[in-house]
Protein backbone atom coordinates (compact mmCIF):
# COMPACT_ATOMS: atom_id res chain seq x y z
CA MET A 1 -2.32 87.28 81.58
CA ARG A 2 -3.48 90.89 81.97
CA ALA A 3 -4.52 92.14 85.36
CA PRO A 4 -7.76 90.46 86.45
CA GLU A 5 -9.36 93.79 87.22
CA LEU A 6 -8.91 94.87 83.69
CA VAL A 7 -10.57 91.70 82.47
CA VAL A 8 -13.52 92.45 84.68
CA LEU A 9 -13.72 96.13 83.77
CA ARG A 10 -13.58 95.17 80.12
CA LEU A 11 -16.69 92.99 80.71
CA ALA A 12 -18.41 95.92 82.34
CA ARG A 13 -18.17 98.11 79.29
CA PRO A 14 -21.85 97.53 78.28
CA TYR A 15 -22.87 98.72 81.72
CA LEU A 16 -20.45 101.63 82.01
CA THR A 17 -23.14 104.32 81.92
CA ARG A 18 -25.10 102.72 84.77
CA LEU A 19 -21.89 102.28 86.86
CA ILE A 20 -20.87 105.94 86.33
CA GLY A 21 -24.32 106.94 87.46
CA ALA A 22 -24.00 104.78 90.53
CA GLY A 23 -20.62 106.40 91.21
CA LEU A 24 -21.98 109.90 90.99
CA LEU A 25 -24.93 109.03 93.15
CA ALA A 26 -22.50 107.52 95.76
CA SER A 27 -20.40 110.79 95.61
CA ALA A 28 -23.65 112.90 96.10
CA THR A 29 -24.55 110.73 99.04
CA GLU A 30 -21.25 111.10 100.77
CA PHE A 31 -21.13 114.85 99.99
CA ALA A 32 -24.59 115.20 101.42
CA GLY A 33 -23.49 113.52 104.64
CA LEU A 34 -20.43 115.86 104.85
CA ALA A 35 -22.57 118.96 104.16
CA LEU A 36 -25.13 117.76 106.83
CA MET A 37 -22.46 117.46 109.48
CA ALA A 38 -21.04 120.85 108.66
CA THR A 39 -24.32 122.57 108.45
CA ALA A 40 -25.68 121.00 111.61
CA THR A 41 -22.50 122.05 113.47
CA TRP A 42 -22.85 125.67 112.29
CA LEU A 43 -26.58 125.62 113.26
CA LEU A 44 -25.87 124.39 116.80
CA MET A 45 -23.00 126.71 117.50
CA THR A 46 -24.85 129.76 115.97
CA ALA A 47 -28.05 128.87 117.89
CA ALA A 48 -26.03 128.90 121.20
CA GLY A 49 -25.67 132.67 120.71
CA GLN A 50 -29.50 133.09 120.52
CA PRO A 51 -29.59 135.07 117.25
CA PRO A 52 -32.79 136.15 115.54
CA LEU A 53 -34.68 133.13 114.13
CA ASP A 54 -34.45 134.32 110.61
CA ARG A 55 -30.67 133.79 110.69
CA LEU A 56 -31.21 130.11 111.36
CA THR A 57 -34.15 129.38 108.98
CA VAL A 58 -32.05 128.55 105.95
CA ALA A 59 -29.76 126.24 108.00
CA ILE A 60 -32.72 124.49 109.56
CA VAL A 61 -34.27 123.86 106.13
CA ALA A 62 -30.84 122.71 104.83
CA VAL A 63 -30.33 120.21 107.60
CA ARG A 64 -33.73 118.70 106.96
CA ALA A 65 -33.24 118.60 103.23
CA LEU A 66 -29.77 117.09 103.54
CA ALA A 67 -30.93 114.44 106.04
CA VAL A 68 -33.75 113.28 103.83
CA GLY A 69 -31.85 113.75 100.65
CA ARG A 70 -28.92 111.58 102.00
CA GLY A 71 -31.35 108.63 102.53
CA VAL A 72 -32.99 109.07 99.09
CA LEU A 73 -29.57 109.32 97.39
CA ARG A 74 -28.19 106.30 99.19
CA TYR A 75 -31.23 104.24 98.13
CA THR A 76 -30.99 105.40 94.61
CA GLU A 77 -27.22 104.71 94.52
CA ARG A 78 -27.68 101.17 95.78
CA LEU A 79 -30.43 100.53 93.33
CA ALA A 80 -28.48 101.83 90.41
CA GLY A 81 -25.22 100.07 91.47
CA HIS A 82 -26.79 96.69 92.13
CA ASP A 83 -28.83 96.86 88.87
CA ALA A 84 -25.71 97.35 86.85
CA VAL A 85 -23.49 94.89 88.79
CA LEU A 86 -26.08 92.11 88.82
CA ARG A 87 -26.51 92.36 85.12
CA LEU A 88 -22.69 92.06 84.75
CA VAL A 89 -22.54 89.14 87.24
CA THR A 90 -25.20 87.27 85.25
CA ASP A 91 -23.10 87.61 82.17
CA VAL A 92 -19.91 86.70 83.91
CA ARG A 93 -21.47 83.58 85.57
CA ALA A 94 -22.81 82.40 82.22
CA ARG A 95 -19.35 82.73 80.60
CA VAL A 96 -17.61 81.00 83.54
CA PHE A 97 -20.10 78.17 83.25
CA ASP A 98 -19.56 77.94 79.54
CA THR A 99 -15.78 77.79 80.08
CA LEU A 100 -15.98 75.14 82.91
CA ALA A 101 -18.30 73.08 80.68
CA ALA A 102 -15.78 73.11 77.87
CA ARG A 103 -12.73 72.41 79.88
CA ARG A 104 -12.61 68.72 79.07
CA GLY A 105 -8.82 68.52 79.24
CA ASN A 106 -8.55 69.80 82.85
CA PRO A 107 -11.93 69.90 84.48
CA PRO A 108 -12.07 71.31 88.01
CA ARG A 109 -13.49 69.27 90.90
CA SER A 110 -17.17 69.88 91.44
CA GLY A 111 -16.64 71.67 94.74
CA ASP A 112 -13.98 73.92 93.22
CA ALA A 113 -16.23 74.45 90.20
CA LEU A 114 -19.04 75.53 92.59
CA SER A 115 -16.65 77.89 94.44
CA ARG A 116 -15.68 79.53 91.08
CA LEU A 117 -19.39 79.93 90.05
CA VAL A 118 -20.37 81.34 93.42
CA SER A 119 -17.71 82.85 95.61
CA ASP A 120 -15.32 83.82 92.83
CA VAL A 121 -17.92 85.35 90.62
CA GLU A 122 -19.27 87.28 93.66
CA ALA A 123 -15.83 88.81 93.83
CA VAL A 124 -16.67 90.55 90.59
CA GLN A 125 -19.67 92.11 92.27
CA ASP A 126 -17.79 93.12 95.30
CA LEU A 127 -15.01 94.66 93.25
CA LEU A 128 -17.44 97.15 91.77
CA LEU A 129 -19.80 97.74 94.65
CA ARG A 130 -17.26 97.73 97.52
CA VAL A 131 -14.11 98.86 95.80
CA VAL A 132 -14.52 100.84 92.55
CA VAL A 133 -17.64 102.82 93.39
CA PRO A 134 -16.77 103.70 97.09
CA ALA A 135 -13.15 104.56 95.99
CA ALA A 136 -14.40 106.88 93.31
CA ALA A 137 -16.99 108.51 95.60
CA ALA A 138 -14.33 108.97 98.44
CA GLY A 139 -11.73 110.52 96.00
CA LEU A 140 -14.20 112.93 94.51
CA VAL A 141 -15.68 114.08 97.93
CA SER A 142 -12.15 114.56 99.27
CA VAL A 143 -11.23 116.90 96.57
CA LEU A 144 -14.51 118.86 97.02
CA ALA A 145 -13.86 119.01 100.78
CA VAL A 146 -10.31 120.52 100.28
CA GLY A 147 -11.78 122.93 97.72
CA LEU A 148 -14.41 124.21 100.09
CA THR A 149 -11.87 124.52 102.97
CA VAL A 150 -9.75 126.76 100.70
CA LEU A 151 -12.55 129.24 100.86
CA VAL A 152 -12.24 129.44 104.60
CA SER A 153 -8.54 129.06 105.16
CA LEU A 154 -5.74 128.09 102.75
CA PRO A 155 -3.45 126.67 105.65
CA ALA A 156 -6.33 124.70 107.03
CA ALA A 157 -7.06 123.29 103.52
CA LEU A 158 -3.35 122.18 103.22
CA ALA A 159 -3.49 120.42 106.51
CA LEU A 160 -6.71 118.76 105.52
CA ALA A 161 -5.20 117.67 102.19
CA VAL A 162 -2.21 116.11 104.00
CA GLY A 163 -4.51 114.23 106.36
CA LEU A 164 -6.70 113.03 103.44
CA LEU A 165 -3.63 111.82 101.48
CA VAL A 166 -2.62 109.74 104.58
CA ALA A 167 -6.08 108.38 104.96
CA ALA A 168 -6.72 107.79 101.23
CA VAL A 169 -3.22 106.71 100.04
CA ALA A 170 -0.82 105.71 102.81
CA LEU A 171 -3.23 103.72 104.92
CA PRO A 172 -4.71 101.77 101.91
CA ALA A 173 -1.19 100.95 100.75
CA LEU A 174 -0.36 99.71 104.24
CA ALA A 175 -3.50 97.60 104.31
CA ILE A 176 -2.59 96.11 100.97
CA ALA A 177 0.93 95.37 102.03
CA LEU A 178 -0.23 93.68 105.33
CA THR A 179 -3.00 91.50 103.83
CA ARG A 180 -1.90 90.70 100.30
CA ARG A 181 -0.20 87.45 101.05
CA ALA A 182 -2.91 86.03 103.30
CA GLY A 183 -5.67 87.29 101.07
CA ALA A 184 -4.07 85.49 98.01
CA GLU A 185 -4.39 82.09 99.80
CA VAL A 186 -8.06 82.53 100.97
CA ALA A 187 -9.84 81.96 97.63
CA PRO A 188 -8.03 78.69 96.69
CA LEU A 189 -8.49 77.44 100.31
CA ARG A 190 -12.20 78.22 100.02
CA GLY A 191 -12.45 76.27 96.84
CA ALA A 192 -10.63 73.36 98.44
CA PHE A 193 -12.87 73.59 101.48
CA ALA A 194 -15.91 73.36 99.15
CA ALA A 195 -14.43 70.43 97.30
CA ASP A 196 -13.59 68.65 100.62
CA ALA A 197 -17.24 69.18 101.80
CA ILE A 198 -18.66 67.58 98.62
CA ASP A 199 -16.06 64.76 98.61
CA LEU A 200 -16.64 63.87 102.28
CA THR A 201 -20.48 63.98 101.83
CA HIS A 202 -20.89 62.05 98.62
CA GLY A 203 -17.89 59.81 99.14
CA ALA A 204 -18.56 59.01 102.80
CA ALA A 205 -19.61 55.33 102.16
CA ASP A 206 -16.65 54.69 99.91
CA LEU A 207 -14.18 56.37 102.33
CA THR A 208 -15.58 54.20 105.21
CA ALA A 209 -15.51 51.06 103.23
CA PHE A 210 -11.76 51.49 102.40
CA GLY A 211 -10.83 52.72 105.96
CA ALA A 212 -9.84 56.19 104.51
CA ALA A 213 -12.44 58.31 106.32
CA SER A 214 -10.20 59.48 109.16
CA ASP A 215 -7.37 60.41 106.89
CA ALA A 216 -9.72 62.37 104.59
CA LEU A 217 -11.33 64.09 107.61
CA ALA A 218 -7.90 64.89 108.95
CA ALA A 219 -6.73 66.43 105.66
CA ALA A 220 -9.94 68.46 105.27
CA GLY A 221 -9.63 69.59 108.94
CA ARG A 222 -6.02 70.84 108.40
CA ARG A 223 -7.23 72.91 105.30
CA ALA A 224 -10.19 74.26 107.28
CA ARG A 225 -7.95 75.24 110.24
CA ARG A 226 -5.60 76.90 107.82
CA LEU A 227 -8.40 78.91 106.30
CA ALA A 228 -9.71 79.88 109.66
CA ARG A 229 -6.24 81.11 110.78
CA LEU A 230 -5.95 83.16 107.65
CA GLU A 231 -9.34 84.80 108.09
CA ARG A 232 -8.61 85.58 111.74
CA ARG A 233 -5.27 87.14 110.66
CA LEU A 234 -6.95 89.26 108.10
CA ALA A 235 -9.57 90.41 110.64
CA ALA A 236 -6.75 91.30 113.15
CA LEU A 237 -4.86 93.32 110.58
CA GLY A 238 -8.11 95.09 109.53
CA PHE A 239 -8.68 96.01 113.13
CA ALA A 240 -5.19 97.50 113.43
CA VAL A 241 -5.45 99.52 110.25
CA ASP A 242 -8.89 100.79 111.29
CA ALA A 243 -7.37 101.88 114.62
CA ALA A 244 -4.71 103.70 112.67
CA GLY A 245 -7.47 105.38 110.64
CA VAL A 246 -9.15 106.66 113.83
CA LEU A 247 -5.90 108.14 115.02
CA VAL A 248 -5.29 109.83 111.65
CA ALA A 249 -8.77 111.42 111.77
CA GLY A 250 -8.19 112.86 115.24
CA LEU A 251 -4.74 114.13 114.44
CA THR A 252 -5.93 115.72 111.13
CA ALA A 253 -8.87 117.41 112.94
CA GLY A 254 -6.58 118.75 115.70
CA THR A 255 -4.08 120.02 113.04
CA VAL A 256 -6.74 121.74 111.02
CA VAL A 257 -8.13 123.46 114.15
CA PHE A 258 -4.74 124.58 115.32
CA VAL A 259 -3.84 126.00 111.89
CA ALA A 260 -7.22 127.69 111.54
CA LEU A 261 -6.81 129.33 114.93
CA ARG A 262 -3.37 130.66 114.03
CA ALA A 263 -4.93 132.04 110.84
CA GLY A 264 -7.60 133.90 112.76
CA VAL A 265 -10.62 131.95 111.52
CA ASP A 266 -13.92 132.79 113.28
CA GLY A 267 -14.93 130.61 116.23
CA VAL A 268 -18.02 129.14 114.63
CA LEU A 269 -16.11 128.20 111.52
CA ILE A 270 -13.52 126.51 113.74
CA GLY A 271 -16.19 124.11 114.83
CA VAL A 272 -17.42 123.60 111.40
CA LEU A 273 -13.86 122.84 110.17
CA ALA A 274 -13.31 120.37 113.05
CA VAL A 275 -16.41 118.34 112.47
CA GLY A 276 -16.13 118.64 108.64
CA THR A 277 -12.58 117.34 108.85
CA LEU A 278 -13.67 114.29 110.91
CA ALA A 279 -16.42 113.60 108.39
CA ALA A 280 -14.09 114.06 105.41
CA VAL A 281 -11.38 111.84 106.72
CA GLU A 282 -13.96 109.18 107.62
CA ILE A 283 -15.15 109.25 104.00
CA ALA A 284 -11.56 109.02 102.75
CA LEU A 285 -10.98 106.04 105.04
CA ALA A 286 -13.38 104.16 102.96
CA LEU A 287 -10.47 103.61 100.63
CA VAL A 288 -8.82 101.56 103.40
CA GLY A 289 -11.81 99.25 103.32
CA ALA A 290 -11.83 99.25 99.55
CA ALA A 291 -8.12 98.29 99.54
CA ARG A 292 -8.63 95.56 102.13
CA GLN A 293 -11.57 94.30 100.02
CA TRP A 294 -9.48 94.41 96.86
CA THR A 295 -6.70 92.35 98.43
CA GLY A 296 -9.15 89.76 99.57
CA LEU A 297 -10.92 89.74 96.29
CA ARG A 298 -7.91 89.58 93.96
CA SER A 299 -7.37 85.85 94.21
CA GLY A 300 -10.96 85.17 93.24
CA LEU A 301 -10.79 87.66 90.45
CA THR A 302 -7.69 85.99 89.14
CA ARG A 303 -9.41 82.64 89.11
CA VAL A 304 -12.31 84.10 87.22
CA ALA A 305 -10.06 85.97 84.79
CA GLN A 306 -8.14 82.77 84.09
CA LEU A 307 -11.37 81.25 82.84
CA LEU A 308 -12.28 84.23 80.73
CA ALA A 309 -9.58 84.13 77.96
CA PRO A 310 -9.10 87.50 76.17
CA ASP A 311 -10.43 86.02 73.00
CA ASP A 312 -13.69 84.97 74.74
CA VAL A 313 -14.34 88.17 76.72
CA GLY A 314 -16.89 90.31 74.99
CA SER A 315 -16.99 88.13 71.91
CA GLU A 316 -20.69 88.03 71.45
CA THR A 317 -20.23 87.32 67.74
CA ALA A 318 -18.29 84.15 68.47
CA ARG A 319 -20.79 83.06 71.11
CA ALA A 320 -23.67 83.61 68.79
CA ALA A 321 -21.86 81.69 66.08
CA ALA A 322 -21.32 78.80 68.48
CA ASP A 323 -24.98 78.85 69.56
CA ALA A 324 -26.05 78.76 65.93
CA ASP A 325 -23.73 75.84 65.19
CA THR A 326 -25.17 73.82 67.99
CA ALA A 327 -28.72 74.38 66.75
CA GLY A 328 -28.38 71.38 64.39
CA PRO A 329 -26.03 68.56 63.51
CA THR A 330 -23.05 69.04 61.22
CA GLY A 331 -23.24 67.92 57.66
CA THR A 332 -20.29 65.52 57.29
CA ALA A 333 -17.62 64.03 59.52
CA PRO A 334 -13.92 64.89 59.44
CA THR A 335 -11.30 62.27 58.67
CA VAL A 336 -9.79 61.20 62.03
CA ARG A 337 -6.22 60.01 62.20
CA PHE A 338 -4.43 58.59 65.21
CA GLU A 339 -0.60 58.74 64.51
CA GLY A 340 1.52 56.96 66.94
CA VAL A 341 -0.49 58.06 69.89
CA THR A 342 0.95 57.25 73.31
CA VAL A 343 -0.66 58.19 76.63
CA ARG A 344 1.23 57.79 79.89
CA TYR A 345 -0.50 59.26 82.99
CA ARG A 346 2.42 59.06 85.24
CA ILE A 347 6.17 58.54 84.89
CA GLY A 348 7.27 55.04 85.76
CA VAL A 349 3.84 53.36 84.96
CA PRO A 350 2.91 51.47 81.76
CA ALA A 351 1.38 53.51 79.00
CA ALA A 352 -2.33 53.43 78.72
CA LEU A 353 -1.99 53.72 74.97
CA ASP A 354 1.28 52.77 73.20
CA GLY A 355 1.89 53.79 69.55
CA PHE A 356 -1.78 53.62 68.55
CA ASP A 357 -2.57 54.11 64.90
CA LEU A 358 -6.01 54.33 63.33
CA GLU A 359 -7.76 56.10 60.46
CA LEU A 360 -11.46 56.85 60.66
CA PRO A 361 -12.77 58.39 57.41
CA PRO A 362 -16.28 59.81 57.12
CA GLY A 363 -18.99 57.19 57.30
CA ARG A 364 -16.88 54.56 58.77
CA ARG A 365 -17.72 52.59 61.91
CA VAL A 366 -15.01 51.20 64.00
CA ALA A 367 -15.42 49.27 67.29
CA VAL A 368 -12.63 49.10 69.97
CA VAL A 369 -12.74 46.18 72.41
CA GLY A 370 -10.38 44.61 74.84
CA PRO A 371 -10.07 43.67 78.52
CA SER A 372 -10.53 46.26 81.32
CA GLY A 373 -7.54 48.58 81.53
CA ALA A 374 -6.64 48.04 77.83
CA GLY A 375 -6.84 51.71 77.04
CA LYS A 376 -10.24 51.97 75.45
CA SER A 377 -11.52 54.92 77.49
CA SER A 378 -8.07 56.67 77.14
CA LEU A 379 -8.63 56.38 73.35
CA ALA A 380 -11.97 58.20 73.58
CA ALA A 381 -10.48 60.85 75.96
CA VAL A 382 -7.66 61.64 73.47
CA LEU A 383 -10.13 61.86 70.60
CA THR A 384 -12.45 64.25 72.39
CA GLY A 385 -9.59 66.50 73.71
CA ALA A 386 -10.00 65.46 77.30
CA VAL A 387 -6.47 64.02 77.50
CA ALA A 388 -3.38 65.27 75.58
CA PRO A 389 -1.26 62.51 74.20
CA THR A 390 2.23 62.04 75.67
CA ALA A 391 3.53 61.26 72.12
CA GLY A 392 2.00 61.20 68.67
CA ARG A 393 -1.14 63.17 67.70
CA VAL A 394 -4.78 63.00 66.65
CA THR A 395 -5.92 65.05 63.72
CA LEU A 396 -9.26 65.98 62.22
CA ASP A 397 -8.84 66.69 58.50
CA GLY A 398 -5.17 67.14 59.08
CA ARG A 399 -5.60 69.69 62.04
CA ASP A 400 -4.53 68.65 65.46
CA VAL A 401 -7.37 68.21 67.98
CA SER A 402 -5.81 70.55 70.42
CA ALA A 403 -6.03 73.39 67.84
CA TYR A 404 -9.80 73.39 67.81
CA PRO A 405 -11.60 75.94 69.99
CA PRO A 406 -13.61 74.37 72.96
CA GLN A 407 -16.85 75.63 71.36
CA GLU A 408 -16.12 74.07 67.97
CA LEU A 409 -14.58 70.51 68.82
CA PRO A 410 -17.93 69.04 70.31
CA ARG A 411 -19.68 69.62 67.11
CA LEU A 412 -17.07 67.56 65.28
CA VAL A 413 -16.35 64.87 67.96
CA GLY A 414 -18.59 64.00 70.79
CA GLY A 415 -21.18 61.64 72.13
CA LEU A 416 -21.64 59.35 75.05
CA LEU A 417 -18.50 59.18 77.26
CA ALA A 418 -17.96 57.03 80.37
CA GLU A 419 -20.13 58.07 83.33
CA ALA A 420 -22.21 60.69 81.44
CA TYR A 421 -23.72 63.19 83.85
CA VAL A 422 -27.54 63.57 84.01
CA PHE A 423 -28.62 67.03 85.27
CA HIS A 424 -31.32 67.83 87.70
CA ALA A 425 -33.62 69.03 85.03
CA THR A 426 -36.43 67.71 82.70
CA VAL A 427 -35.93 64.97 80.14
CA ARG A 428 -36.24 67.65 77.50
CA ASP A 429 -33.56 69.92 78.97
CA ASN A 430 -31.06 67.07 79.36
CA MET A 431 -31.46 66.04 75.81
CA LEU A 432 -31.30 69.54 74.46
CA LEU A 433 -27.96 70.14 76.05
CA GLY A 434 -25.93 69.39 72.94
CA ARG A 435 -28.52 70.70 70.36
CA PRO A 436 -30.67 73.41 71.85
CA GLY A 437 -32.63 74.10 68.73
CA ALA A 438 -34.00 70.54 68.14
CA ASP A 439 -37.71 70.17 67.71
CA GLU A 440 -39.91 67.52 69.24
CA ASP A 441 -39.61 65.15 66.23
CA ALA A 442 -35.85 65.12 66.60
CA LEU A 443 -36.22 64.41 70.33
CA PHE A 444 -38.61 61.54 69.58
CA THR A 445 -36.33 60.05 66.99
CA ALA A 446 -33.25 60.00 69.18
CA ALA A 447 -35.23 58.78 72.23
CA THR A 448 -36.70 55.95 70.12
CA ALA A 449 -33.18 54.86 69.00
CA ALA A 450 -31.98 54.80 72.58
CA GLY A 451 -34.98 52.83 73.74
CA LEU A 452 -36.36 55.69 75.91
CA ALA A 453 -39.43 56.86 73.98
CA ASP A 454 -41.94 54.33 75.50
CA TRP A 455 -40.87 55.39 78.99
CA VAL A 456 -41.23 59.08 78.21
CA ARG A 457 -44.73 58.50 76.79
CA ALA A 458 -45.73 56.56 79.98
CA GLN A 459 -44.77 59.61 82.21
CA PRO A 460 -47.61 62.00 83.15
CA ASP A 461 -45.29 64.95 82.29
CA GLY A 462 -43.69 63.37 79.18
CA TRP A 463 -40.67 65.41 78.14
CA ASP A 464 -41.11 67.71 81.01
CA THR A 465 -40.52 64.90 83.60
CA VAL A 466 -37.82 66.01 86.07
CA VAL A 467 -35.19 63.31 86.44
CA GLY A 468 -33.77 64.44 89.81
CA GLU A 469 -30.26 65.20 90.97
CA GLU A 470 -27.81 63.12 88.96
CA GLY A 471 -30.78 61.36 87.49
CA GLY A 472 -31.79 60.02 90.97
CA GLN A 473 -35.49 59.48 89.81
CA LEU A 474 -34.28 57.08 87.04
CA SER A 475 -32.98 53.57 87.13
CA GLY A 476 -29.53 52.92 85.98
CA GLY A 477 -30.68 51.65 82.55
CA GLN A 478 -32.95 54.75 82.08
CA ARG A 479 -30.09 57.08 82.94
CA GLN A 480 -27.92 55.27 80.32
CA ARG A 481 -30.67 55.51 77.67
CA LEU A 482 -31.13 59.15 78.41
CA ALA A 483 -27.46 59.94 77.99
CA LEU A 484 -27.37 57.88 74.82
CA ALA A 485 -30.40 59.71 73.48
CA ARG A 486 -28.70 63.08 74.20
CA ALA A 487 -25.59 61.91 72.25
CA LEU A 488 -27.67 60.74 69.33
CA LEU A 489 -29.59 63.99 69.24
CA ALA A 490 -26.39 66.10 69.22
CA ALA A 491 -25.22 64.08 66.22
CA PRO A 492 -21.58 65.21 66.01
CA GLY A 493 -19.58 64.40 62.92
CA VAL A 494 -17.71 61.63 64.73
CA LEU A 495 -19.99 59.88 67.29
CA VAL A 496 -18.08 58.42 70.25
CA LEU A 497 -20.05 55.77 72.09
CA ASP A 498 -18.19 54.62 75.29
CA GLU A 499 -19.96 51.59 76.64
CA PRO A 500 -23.43 52.83 75.36
CA THR A 501 -25.29 49.77 76.73
CA GLU A 502 -23.75 49.68 80.21
CA GLY A 503 -26.35 48.69 82.81
CA LEU A 504 -28.80 47.15 80.23
CA ASP A 505 -29.63 43.40 80.15
CA PRO A 506 -28.18 41.48 77.10
CA VAL A 507 -31.41 41.52 75.09
CA ALA A 508 -31.95 45.24 75.63
CA ALA A 509 -28.35 46.01 75.16
CA ASP A 510 -28.38 44.31 71.65
CA GLN A 511 -31.55 46.07 70.68
CA VAL A 512 -30.27 49.51 71.76
CA LEU A 513 -26.95 49.03 69.96
CA THR A 514 -28.51 48.03 66.84
CA SER A 515 -31.01 50.98 66.81
CA ALA A 516 -28.32 53.51 67.84
CA LEU A 517 -26.03 52.49 65.02
CA ALA A 518 -29.02 52.58 62.52
CA ALA A 519 -29.84 56.12 63.75
CA THR A 520 -26.37 57.43 62.94
CA ARG A 521 -26.61 60.09 60.23
CA ALA A 522 -25.35 59.38 56.73
CA GLY A 523 -21.77 60.55 56.34
CA HIS A 524 -21.12 60.57 60.14
CA SER A 525 -18.61 58.11 61.51
CA VAL A 526 -18.76 56.12 64.73
CA LEU A 527 -16.11 54.97 67.24
CA LEU A 528 -17.71 52.44 69.44
CA ILE A 529 -16.06 51.31 72.67
CA THR A 530 -17.65 48.39 74.24
CA HIS A 531 -17.02 45.14 76.23
CA ARG A 532 -19.91 43.43 74.47
CA LEU A 533 -19.18 41.68 71.14
CA ASN A 534 -22.79 41.10 70.06
CA GLY A 535 -23.75 43.36 67.29
CA LEU A 536 -20.28 44.09 66.16
CA ALA A 537 -20.92 42.39 62.80
CA GLU A 538 -22.51 45.67 61.86
CA VAL A 539 -19.35 47.72 62.07
CA ASP A 540 -16.66 48.09 59.40
CA GLU A 541 -13.63 47.23 61.66
CA ILE A 542 -12.97 45.98 65.05
CA VAL A 543 -9.65 46.87 66.96
CA VAL A 544 -8.66 44.75 69.79
CA LEU A 545 -6.55 46.55 72.51
CA ASP A 546 -4.47 44.92 75.21
CA ALA A 547 -2.20 46.96 77.49
CA GLY A 548 -2.51 49.92 75.21
CA ARG A 549 -1.39 48.10 72.00
CA VAL A 550 -3.39 46.77 69.06
CA VAL A 551 -3.25 43.00 69.15
CA GLN A 552 -5.94 42.29 66.63
CA ARG A 553 -7.96 44.04 64.02
CA GLY A 554 -10.39 43.03 61.29
CA GLY A 555 -14.02 42.21 60.73
CA HIS A 556 -16.19 40.13 63.16
CA ALA A 557 -16.19 36.90 61.13
CA ALA A 558 -12.53 37.00 60.55
CA LEU A 559 -11.75 37.60 64.33
CA VAL A 560 -14.15 34.86 65.48
CA ALA A 561 -12.31 32.48 63.16
CA THR A 562 -8.80 33.52 64.38
CA PRO A 563 -7.38 32.23 67.70
CA GLY A 564 -6.93 35.11 70.08
CA TRP A 565 -8.61 37.30 72.76
CA TYR A 566 -11.68 38.16 70.53
CA ARG A 567 -12.60 34.59 69.79
CA ASP A 568 -12.09 33.48 73.39
CA GLN A 569 -14.24 36.41 74.71
CA TRP A 570 -16.87 35.79 72.03
CA MET A 571 -17.20 32.17 73.14
CA VAL A 572 -17.47 33.15 76.80
CA GLN A 573 -20.14 35.75 76.15
CA GLN A 574 -22.25 33.54 74.02
CA ALA A 575 -22.19 30.79 76.65
CA ALA A 576 -23.10 33.24 79.39
CA GLU A 577 -25.91 34.80 77.35
CA HIS A 578 -27.39 31.51 76.34
CA GLY A 579 -27.51 30.54 80.08
CA TYR A 580 -29.10 33.91 80.84
CA LEU A 581 -31.81 33.36 78.20
CA ALA A 582 -32.42 29.93 79.47
CA VAL A 583 -32.87 31.05 83.08
CA SER A 584 -34.96 34.12 82.13
CA GLY A 585 -37.11 32.08 79.75
């Protein structure tokens, strides 16, 4: 992968003019400060000789103008710089979110994802505002300072140049060498720290119930202490380098004064050179801070750059095309083929899927059933690209699933997966996630098929009802209906429904399943994963999995008539549901 800084700077191209303007304003601000110090020194030393007032008038006006001008320039520079950088960060954060949302195969933990969206993306802002712009300003002002000193004394200018090179090159290089290793560990540890905080908060009850709270707290504490040690180490190293910078400034000023005296420079100008040298070296020492910032930011920048693949960076055309594609459902479904698919999550454990074969042509409906742990959810994960098969392959119209871009695959294969997430947003926003351009009629149709429309109509805010964090304002059944409605609205070519009626009572489950299958668009195919056998007479084929292998397949009537897991489970479910209906009646 190319240097992460180059990835960020490539993203900054649309804002290049604004950034250059901010850099020039920063240079003018620093130069105004340098000129203020030099002019004020000349004014004080000259005024000590009690010359006529007219000799001091220009200097007095210049000091006032430079003092006011420096403040105005600083404000303008900050305004221009933050305007450009915040525009860029908005773009980067949107791209990072898109990439994280599309990373079904290797999704980050929620805390780490939050760290990437906040801390790591803020590294992009800091790179420009605290590294690039200050470094450019310090470099330009240093060159101007040496050039002006040449007009006074060439030997003094050479001494100043050497001091500025030490301050602007040697010390930053030393700061990078001292802090690089520790800085590289900070961003991942911050991500782990954020993940630990969320895990310990949201999983407190489960950790306590299983007696694992103390171990989890201890592990999180070790990572927190490691992060604290690294940050203290970075602070100590920064203090040492800053102290070296003060020493360099003093030595440079002393050398410039000594050389200027040997060259016969006027006494007043000696004072101006001394104070100007201190101011110039102080400005150059901003590069030490920039280098230290860069070292600390580089790990976060690398994590951001890893998410922004070169093909995605700046590809507005591709993004626009993807947005246009998600505006409506696709026309037909691809032909899906599972060819000897085996999934083994760890070496030495049984395969979750073992040599699975299936063909799912357009318009066909296939149900996959079996006991818990049979491999049903693994089958859905492989089809949607969330899990790569250990052996075999899954193809869509002859093309391997892994070859499809993350923006394209969900339009072809998607739907309701296990533990679908409900966002802290309105019903409308949750449903429009997979099809942003859908109108209200399409929303109503999908909600009706999922059995959610009556509930939406009963809410005072209707489609604008906020469902709360993780759907906390909804019941379990309502959350499931909302997730199902979202999947039906998106209408991918191959609709995957993993336990679509989970959390619903048997009567409601049968009604929802029937209406959901009826709402499937013509030409689209369905892969239904379920533990309920009612309603499966409507599908074209039923595949029974056990321990990752196909043990039965066929139609509902044939499987009920054949001894095996399907008939046994059918009889158990029928007896249970008749008892449920008798009690509820």
